[in-house]
Amino acid sequence: MDDEEVESYTSDEVAELFSVNRATVSRWARTGRIPSVKYPARRRRAFPKREVDELWARSYQARTA
């Protein structure tokens, strides 16, 4: 990602959106299943809002098809 600020979700917000545990979101991020940016100094991850919203929309469509 570039230097400009990107809207993002926290791990807790992604967990709530997908109705999973925060540990599941961390595992998804580590394995590349969901896009994230790791901030080692803060020991946190950020999840780009646009990409997560697109992933959620695809998964929602798959569940309701």
PDB file of N, CA and C in Angstrom:
ATOM      1  N   MET A   1       0.835  -1.180   0.000  1.00  0.00           N
ATOM      2  CA  MET A   1       0.000   0.000   0.000  1.00  0.00           C
ATOM      3  C   MET A   1       0.878   1.241   0.000  1.00  0.00           C
ATOM      4  N   ASP A   2       0.339   2.313  -0.491  1.00  0.00           N
ATOM      5  CA  ASP A   2       1.134   3.522  -0.535  1.00  0.00           C
ATOM      6  C   ASP A   2       1.037   4.282   0.776  1.00  0.00           C
ATOM      7  N   ASP A   3       1.656   5.480   0.821  1.00  0.00           N
ATOM      8  CA  ASP A   3       1.760   6.230   2.058  1.00  0.00           C
ATOM      9  C   ASP A   3       0.474   6.940   2.468  1.00  0.00           C
ATOM     10  N   GLU A   4      -0.470   7.121   1.532  1.00  0.00           N
ATOM     11  CA  GLU A   4      -1.673   7.828   1.934  1.00  0.00           C
ATOM     12  C   GLU A   4      -2.539   6.949   2.828  1.00  0.00           C
ATOM     13  N   GLU A   5      -3.283   7.596   3.703  1.00  0.00           N
ATOM     14  CA  GLU A   5      -4.113   6.890   4.669  1.00  0.00           C
ATOM     15  C   GLU A   5      -5.241   6.130   3.967  1.00  0.00           C
ATOM     16  N   VAL A   6      -5.393   4.880   4.307  1.00  0.00           N
ATOM     17  CA  VAL A   6      -6.425   4.031   3.724  1.00  0.00           C
ATOM     18  C   VAL A   6      -7.413   3.685   4.836  1.00  0.00           C
ATOM     19  N   GLU A   7      -8.703   3.794   4.533  1.00  0.00           N
ATOM     20  CA  GLU A   7      -9.700   3.391   5.521  1.00  0.00           C
ATOM     21  C   GLU A   7      -9.532   1.918   5.807  1.00  0.00           C
ATOM     22  N   SER A   8      -9.599   1.563   7.072  1.00  0.00           N
ATOM     23  CA  SER A   8      -9.378   0.157   7.410  1.00  0.00           C
ATOM     24  C   SER A   8     -10.223  -0.257   8.602  1.00  0.00           C
ATOM     25  N   TYR A   9     -10.348  -1.579   8.742  1.00  0.00           N
ATOM     26  CA  TYR A   9     -11.014  -2.191   9.877  1.00  0.00           C
ATOM     27  C   TYR A   9      -9.967  -2.684  10.868  1.00  0.00           C
ATOM     28  N   THR A  10     -10.380  -2.832  12.111  1.00  0.00           N
ATOM     29  CA  THR A  10      -9.557  -3.509  13.112  1.00  0.00           C
ATOM     30  C   THR A  10      -9.886  -5.004  13.074  1.00  0.00           C
ATOM     31  N   SER A  11      -9.097  -5.799  13.767  1.00  0.00           N
ATOM     32  CA  SER A  11      -9.375  -7.239  13.857  1.00  0.00           C
ATOM     33  C   SER A  11     -10.749  -7.495  14.463  1.00  0.00           C
ATOM     34  N   ASP A  12     -11.087  -6.739  15.489  1.00  0.00           N
ATOM     35  CA  ASP A  12     -12.390  -6.909  16.132  1.00  0.00           C
ATOM     36  C   ASP A  12     -13.537  -6.594  15.176  1.00  0.00           C
ATOM     37  N   GLU A  13     -13.387  -5.561  14.379  1.00  0.00           N
ATOM     38  CA  GLU A  13     -14.442  -5.193  13.427  1.00  0.00           C
ATOM     39  C   GLU A  13     -14.617  -6.261  12.348  1.00  0.00           C
ATOM     40  N   VAL A  14     -13.503  -6.797  11.860  1.00  0.00           N
ATOM     41  CA  VAL A  14     -13.586  -7.853  10.847  1.00  0.00           C
ATOM     42  C   VAL A  14     -14.227  -9.099  11.456  1.00  0.00           C
ATOM     43  N   ALA A  15     -13.846  -9.428  12.683  1.00  0.00           N
ATOM     44  CA  ALA A  15     -14.426 -10.587  13.360  1.00  0.00           C
ATOM     45  C   ALA A  15     -15.938 -10.431  13.493  1.00  0.00           C
ATOM     46  N   GLU A  16     -16.388  -9.266  13.858  1.00  0.00           N
ATOM     47  CA  GLU A  16     -17.822  -9.022  13.986  1.00  0.00           C
ATOM     48  C   GLU A  16     -18.520  -9.109  12.627  1.00  0.00           C
ATOM     49  N   LEU A  17     -17.910  -8.538  11.609  1.00  0.00           N
ATOM     50  CA  LEU A  17     -18.493  -8.549  10.271  1.00  0.00           C
ATOM     51  C   LEU A  17     -18.706  -9.969   9.761  1.00  0.00           C
ATOM     52  N   PHE A  18     -17.718 -10.834   9.973  1.00  0.00           N
ATOM     53  CA  PHE A  18     -17.789 -12.211   9.480  1.00  0.00           C
ATOM     54  C   PHE A  18     -18.352 -13.190  10.520  1.00  0.00           C
ATOM     55  N   SER A  19     -18.692 -12.681  11.695  1.00  0.00           N
ATOM     56  CA  SER A  19     -19.232 -13.517  12.788  1.00  0.00           C
ATOM     57  C   SER A  19     -18.278 -14.649  13.163  1.00  0.00           C
ATOM     58  N   VAL A  20     -17.011 -14.281  13.361  1.00  0.00           N
ATOM     59  CA  VAL A  20     -15.987 -15.246  13.778  1.00  0.00           C
ATOM     60  C   VAL A  20     -15.197 -14.646  14.939  1.00  0.00           C
ATOM     61  N   ASN A  21     -14.356 -15.467  15.545  1.00  0.00           N
ATOM     62  CA  ASN A  21     -13.490 -15.033  16.624  1.00  0.00           C
ATOM     63  C   ASN A  21     -12.327 -14.207  16.074  1.00  0.00           C
ATOM     64  N   ARG A  22     -11.799 -13.310  16.883  1.00  0.00           N
ATOM     65  CA  ARG A  22     -10.655 -12.491  16.465  1.00  0.00           C
ATOM     66  C   ARG A  22      -9.443 -13.357  16.118  1.00  0.00           C
ATOM     67  N   ALA A  23      -9.278 -14.475  16.806  1.00  0.00           N
ATOM     68  CA  ALA A  23      -8.163 -15.391  16.493  1.00  0.00           C
ATOM     69  C   ALA A  23      -8.302 -15.953  15.079  1.00  0.00           C
ATOM     70  N   THR A  24      -9.527 -16.174  14.649  1.00  0.00           N
ATOM     71  CA  THR A  24      -9.767 -16.656  13.288  1.00  0.00           C
ATOM     72  C   THR A  24      -9.335 -15.610  12.274  1.00  0.00           C
ATOM     73  N   VAL A  25      -9.642 -14.354  12.549  1.00  0.00           N
ATOM     74  CA  VAL A  25      -9.244 -13.264  11.654  1.00  0.00           C
ATOM     75  C   VAL A  25      -7.718 -13.189  11.576  1.00  0.00           C
ATOM     76  N   SER A  26      -7.050 -13.326  12.697  1.00  0.00           N
ATOM     77  CA  SER A  26      -5.578 -13.310  12.703  1.00  0.00           C
ATOM     78  C   SER A  26      -5.015 -14.457  11.883  1.00  0.00           C
ATOM     79  N   ARG A  27      -5.604 -15.626  12.016  1.00  0.00           N
ATOM     80  CA  ARG A  27      -5.152 -16.787  11.236  1.00  0.00           C
ATOM     81  C   ARG A  27      -5.381 -16.540   9.753  1.00  0.00           C
ATOM     82  N   TRP A  28      -6.549 -16.016   9.388  1.00  0.00           N
ATOM     83  CA  TRP A  28      -6.827 -15.695   7.987  1.00  0.00           C
ATOM     84  C   TRP A  28      -5.784 -14.723   7.443  1.00  0.00           C
ATOM     85  N   ALA A  29      -5.417 -13.726   8.238  1.00  0.00           N
ATOM     86  CA  ALA A  29      -4.427 -12.734   7.792  1.00  0.00           C
ATOM     87  C   ALA A  29      -3.059 -13.384   7.600  1.00  0.00           C
ATOM     88  N   ARG A  30      -2.651 -14.217   8.553  1.00  0.00           N
ATOM     89  CA  ARG A  30      -1.344 -14.895   8.457  1.00  0.00           C
ATOM     90  C   ARG A  30      -1.258 -15.793   7.239  1.00  0.00           C
ATOM     91  N   THR A  31      -2.365 -16.429   6.875  1.00  0.00           N
ATOM     92  CA  THR A  31      -2.358 -17.373   5.755  1.00  0.00           C
ATOM     93  C   THR A  31      -2.711 -16.717   4.419  1.00  0.00           C
ATOM     94  N   GLY A  32      -3.014 -15.418   4.454  1.00  0.00           N
ATOM     95  CA  GLY A  32      -3.306 -14.693   3.218  1.00  0.00           C
ATOM     96  C   GLY A  32      -4.737 -14.812   2.737  1.00  0.00           C
ATOM     97  N   ARG A  33      -5.591 -15.370   3.559  1.00  0.00           N
ATOM     98  CA  ARG A  33      -7.001 -15.526   3.166  1.00  0.00           C
ATOM     99  C   ARG A  33      -7.737 -14.185   3.137  1.00  0.00           C
ATOM    100  N   ILE A  34      -7.256 -13.234   3.935  1.00  0.00           N
ATOM    101  CA  ILE A  34      -7.855 -11.906   3.979  1.00  0.00           C
ATOM    102  C   ILE A  34      -6.716 -10.885   3.938  1.00  0.00           C
ATOM    103  N   PRO A  35      -6.870  -9.810   3.162  1.00  0.00           N
ATOM    104  CA  PRO A  35      -5.782  -8.833   3.045  1.00  0.00           C
ATOM    105  C   PRO A  35      -5.594  -8.043   4.346  1.00  0.00           C
ATOM    106  N   SER A  36      -4.336  -7.801   4.677  1.00  0.00           N
ATOM    107  CA  SER A  36      -4.051  -7.006   5.878  1.00  0.00           C
ATOM    108  C   SER A  36      -2.691  -6.343   5.757  1.00  0.00           C
ATOM    109  N   VAL A  37      -2.507  -5.344   6.589  1.00  0.00           N
ATOM    110  CA  VAL A  37      -1.223  -4.658   6.702  1.00  0.00           C
ATOM    111  C   VAL A  37      -0.795  -4.790   8.153  1.00  0.00           C
ATOM    112  N   LYS A  38       0.394  -5.311   8.375  1.00  0.00           N
ATOM    113  CA  LYS A  38       0.879  -5.512   9.738  1.00  0.00           C
ATOM    114  C   LYS A  38       1.723  -4.322  10.176  1.00  0.00           C
ATOM    115  N   TYR A  39       1.453  -3.848  11.380  1.00  0.00           N
ATOM    116  CA  TYR A  39       2.218  -2.752  11.975  1.00  0.00           C
ATOM    117  C   TYR A  39       2.979  -3.318  13.167  1.00  0.00           C
ATOM    118  N   PRO A  40       4.206  -3.804  12.962  1.00  0.00           N
ATOM    119  CA  PRO A  40       4.955  -4.478  14.029  1.00  0.00           C
ATOM    120  C   PRO A  40       5.175  -3.621  15.277  1.00  0.00           C
ATOM    121  N   ALA A  41       5.401  -2.345  15.089  1.00  0.00           N
ATOM    122  CA  ALA A  41       5.671  -1.486  16.241  1.00  0.00           C
ATOM    123  C   ALA A  41       4.463  -1.429  17.177  1.00  0.00           C
ATOM    124  N   ARG A  42       3.282  -1.511  16.599  1.00  0.00           N
ATOM    125  CA  ARG A  42       2.062  -1.451  17.414  1.00  0.00           C
ATOM    126  C   ARG A  42       1.479  -2.841  17.665  1.00  0.00           C
ATOM    127  N   ARG A  43       2.104  -3.876  17.083  1.00  0.00           N
ATOM    128  CA  ARG A  43       1.630  -5.257  17.209  1.00  0.00           C
ATOM    129  C   ARG A  43       0.165  -5.377  16.806  1.00  0.00           C
ATOM    130  N   ARG A  44      -0.169  -4.743  15.692  1.00  0.00           N
ATOM    131  CA  ARG A  44      -1.537  -4.752  15.199  1.00  0.00           C
ATOM    132  C   ARG A  44      -1.566  -4.960  13.706  1.00  0.00           C
ATOM    133  N   ARG A  45      -2.739  -5.313  13.227  1.00  0.00           N
ATOM    134  CA  ARG A  45      -2.991  -5.409  11.795  1.00  0.00           C
ATOM    135  C   ARG A  45      -4.132  -4.465  11.451  1.00  0.00           C
ATOM    136  N   ALA A  46      -4.075  -3.976  10.233  1.00  0.00           N
ATOM    137  CA  ALA A  46      -5.177  -3.187   9.686  1.00  0.00           C
ATOM    138  C   ALA A  46      -5.688  -3.935   8.468  1.00  0.00           C
ATOM    139  N   PHE A  47      -6.979  -3.890   8.276  1.00  0.00           N
ATOM    140  CA  PHE A  47      -7.619  -4.613   7.185  1.00  0.00           C
ATOM    141  C   PHE A  47      -8.283  -3.597   6.270  1.00  0.00           C
ATOM    142  N   PRO A  48      -7.758  -3.416   5.047  1.00  0.00           N
ATOM    143  CA  PRO A  48      -8.284  -2.394   4.130  1.00  0.00           C
ATOM    144  C   PRO A  48      -9.794  -2.558   3.920  1.00  0.00           C
ATOM    145  N   LYS A  49     -10.521  -1.508   4.253  1.00  0.00           N
ATOM    146  CA  LYS A  49     -11.982  -1.552   4.246  1.00  0.00           C
ATOM    147  C   LYS A  49     -12.557  -1.977   2.897  1.00  0.00           C
ATOM    148  N   ARG A  50     -12.102  -1.383   1.826  1.00  0.00           N
ATOM    149  CA  ARG A  50     -12.667  -1.699   0.513  1.00  0.00           C
ATOM    150  C   ARG A  50     -12.479  -3.177   0.168  1.00  0.00           C
ATOM    151  N   GLU A  51     -11.285  -3.698   0.393  1.00  0.00           N
ATOM    152  CA  GLU A  51     -11.007  -5.099   0.056  1.00  0.00           C
ATOM    153  C   GLU A  51     -11.786  -6.065   0.951  1.00  0.00           C
ATOM    154  N   VAL A  52     -11.892  -5.744   2.232  1.00  0.00           N
ATOM    155  CA  VAL A  52     -12.647  -6.596   3.152  1.00  0.00           C
ATOM    156  C   VAL A  52     -14.132  -6.564   2.797  1.00  0.00           C
ATOM    157  N   ASP A  53     -14.647  -5.380   2.479  1.00  0.00           N
ATOM    158  CA  ASP A  53     -16.056  -5.280   2.088  1.00  0.00           C
ATOM    159  C   ASP A  53     -16.348  -6.098   0.833  1.00  0.00           C
ATOM    160  N   GLU A  54     -15.437  -6.081  -0.124  1.00  0.00           N
ATOM    161  CA  GLU A  54     -15.610  -6.885  -1.345  1.00  0.00           C
ATOM    162  C   GLU A  54     -15.582  -8.377  -1.020  1.00  0.00           C
ATOM    163  N   LEU A  55     -14.672  -8.784  -0.154  1.00  0.00           N
ATOM    164  CA  LEU A  55     -14.579 -10.183   0.253  1.00  0.00           C
ATOM    165  C   LEU A  55     -15.853 -10.607   0.981  1.00  0.00           C
ATOM    166  N   TRP A  56     -16.352  -9.757   1.871  1.00  0.00           N
ATOM    167  CA  TRP A  56     -17.582 -10.063   2.591  1.00  0.00           C
ATOM    168  C   TRP A  56     -18.755 -10.199   1.618  1.00  0.00           C
ATOM    169  N   ALA A  57     -18.847  -9.296   0.646  1.00  0.00           N
ATOM    170  CA  ALA A  57     -19.939  -9.351  -0.334  1.00  0.00           C
ATOM    171  C   ALA A  57     -19.891 -10.656  -1.129  1.00  0.00           C
ATOM    172  N   ARG A  58     -18.685 -11.080  -1.541  1.00  0.00           N
ATOM    173  CA  ARG A  58     -18.557 -12.347  -2.269  1.00  0.00           C
ATOM    174  C   ARG A  58     -18.946 -13.530  -1.392  1.00  0.00           C
ATOM    175  N   SER A  59     -18.526 -13.508  -0.141  1.00  0.00           N
ATOM    176  CA  SER A  59     -18.850 -14.633   0.750  1.00  0.00           C
ATOM    177  C   SER A  59     -20.342 -14.627   1.069  1.00  0.00           C
ATOM    178  N   TYR A  60     -20.953 -13.469   1.180  1.00  0.00           N
ATOM    179  CA  TYR A  60     -22.389 -13.383   1.453  1.00  0.00           C
ATOM    180  C   TYR A  60     -23.178 -13.940   0.260  1.00  0.00           C
ATOM    181  N   GLN A  61     -22.763 -13.570  -0.938  1.00  0.00           N
ATOM    182  CA  GLN A  61     -23.435 -14.073  -2.134  1.00  0.00           C
ATOM    183  C   GLN A  61     -23.323 -15.589  -2.228  1.00  0.00           C
ATOM    184  N   ALA A  62     -22.169 -16.126  -1.874  1.00  0.00           N
ATOM    185  CA  ALA A  62     -21.961 -17.576  -1.916  1.00  0.00           C
ATOM    186  C   ALA A  62     -22.858 -18.292  -0.910  1.00  0.00           C
ATOM    187  N   ARG A  63     -23.055 -17.680   0.261  1.00  0.00           N
ATOM    188  CA  ARG A  63     -23.899 -18.295   1.298  1.00  0.00           C
ATOM    189  C   ARG A  63     -25.374 -18.251   0.943  1.00  0.00           C
ATOM    190  N   THR A  64     -25.778 -17.251   0.172  1.00  0.00           N
ATOM    191  CA  THR A  64     -27.206 -17.090  -0.124  1.00  0.00           C
ATOM    192  C   THR A  64     -27.599 -17.634  -1.492  1.00  0.00           C
ATOM    193  N   ALA A  65     -26.632 -18.119  -2.246  1.00  0.00           N
ATOM    194  CA  ALA A  65     -26.927 -18.644  -3.597  1.00  0.00           C
ATOM    195  C   ALA A  65     -27.510 -20.034  -3.559  1.00  0.00           C
TER     196      ALA A  65
END
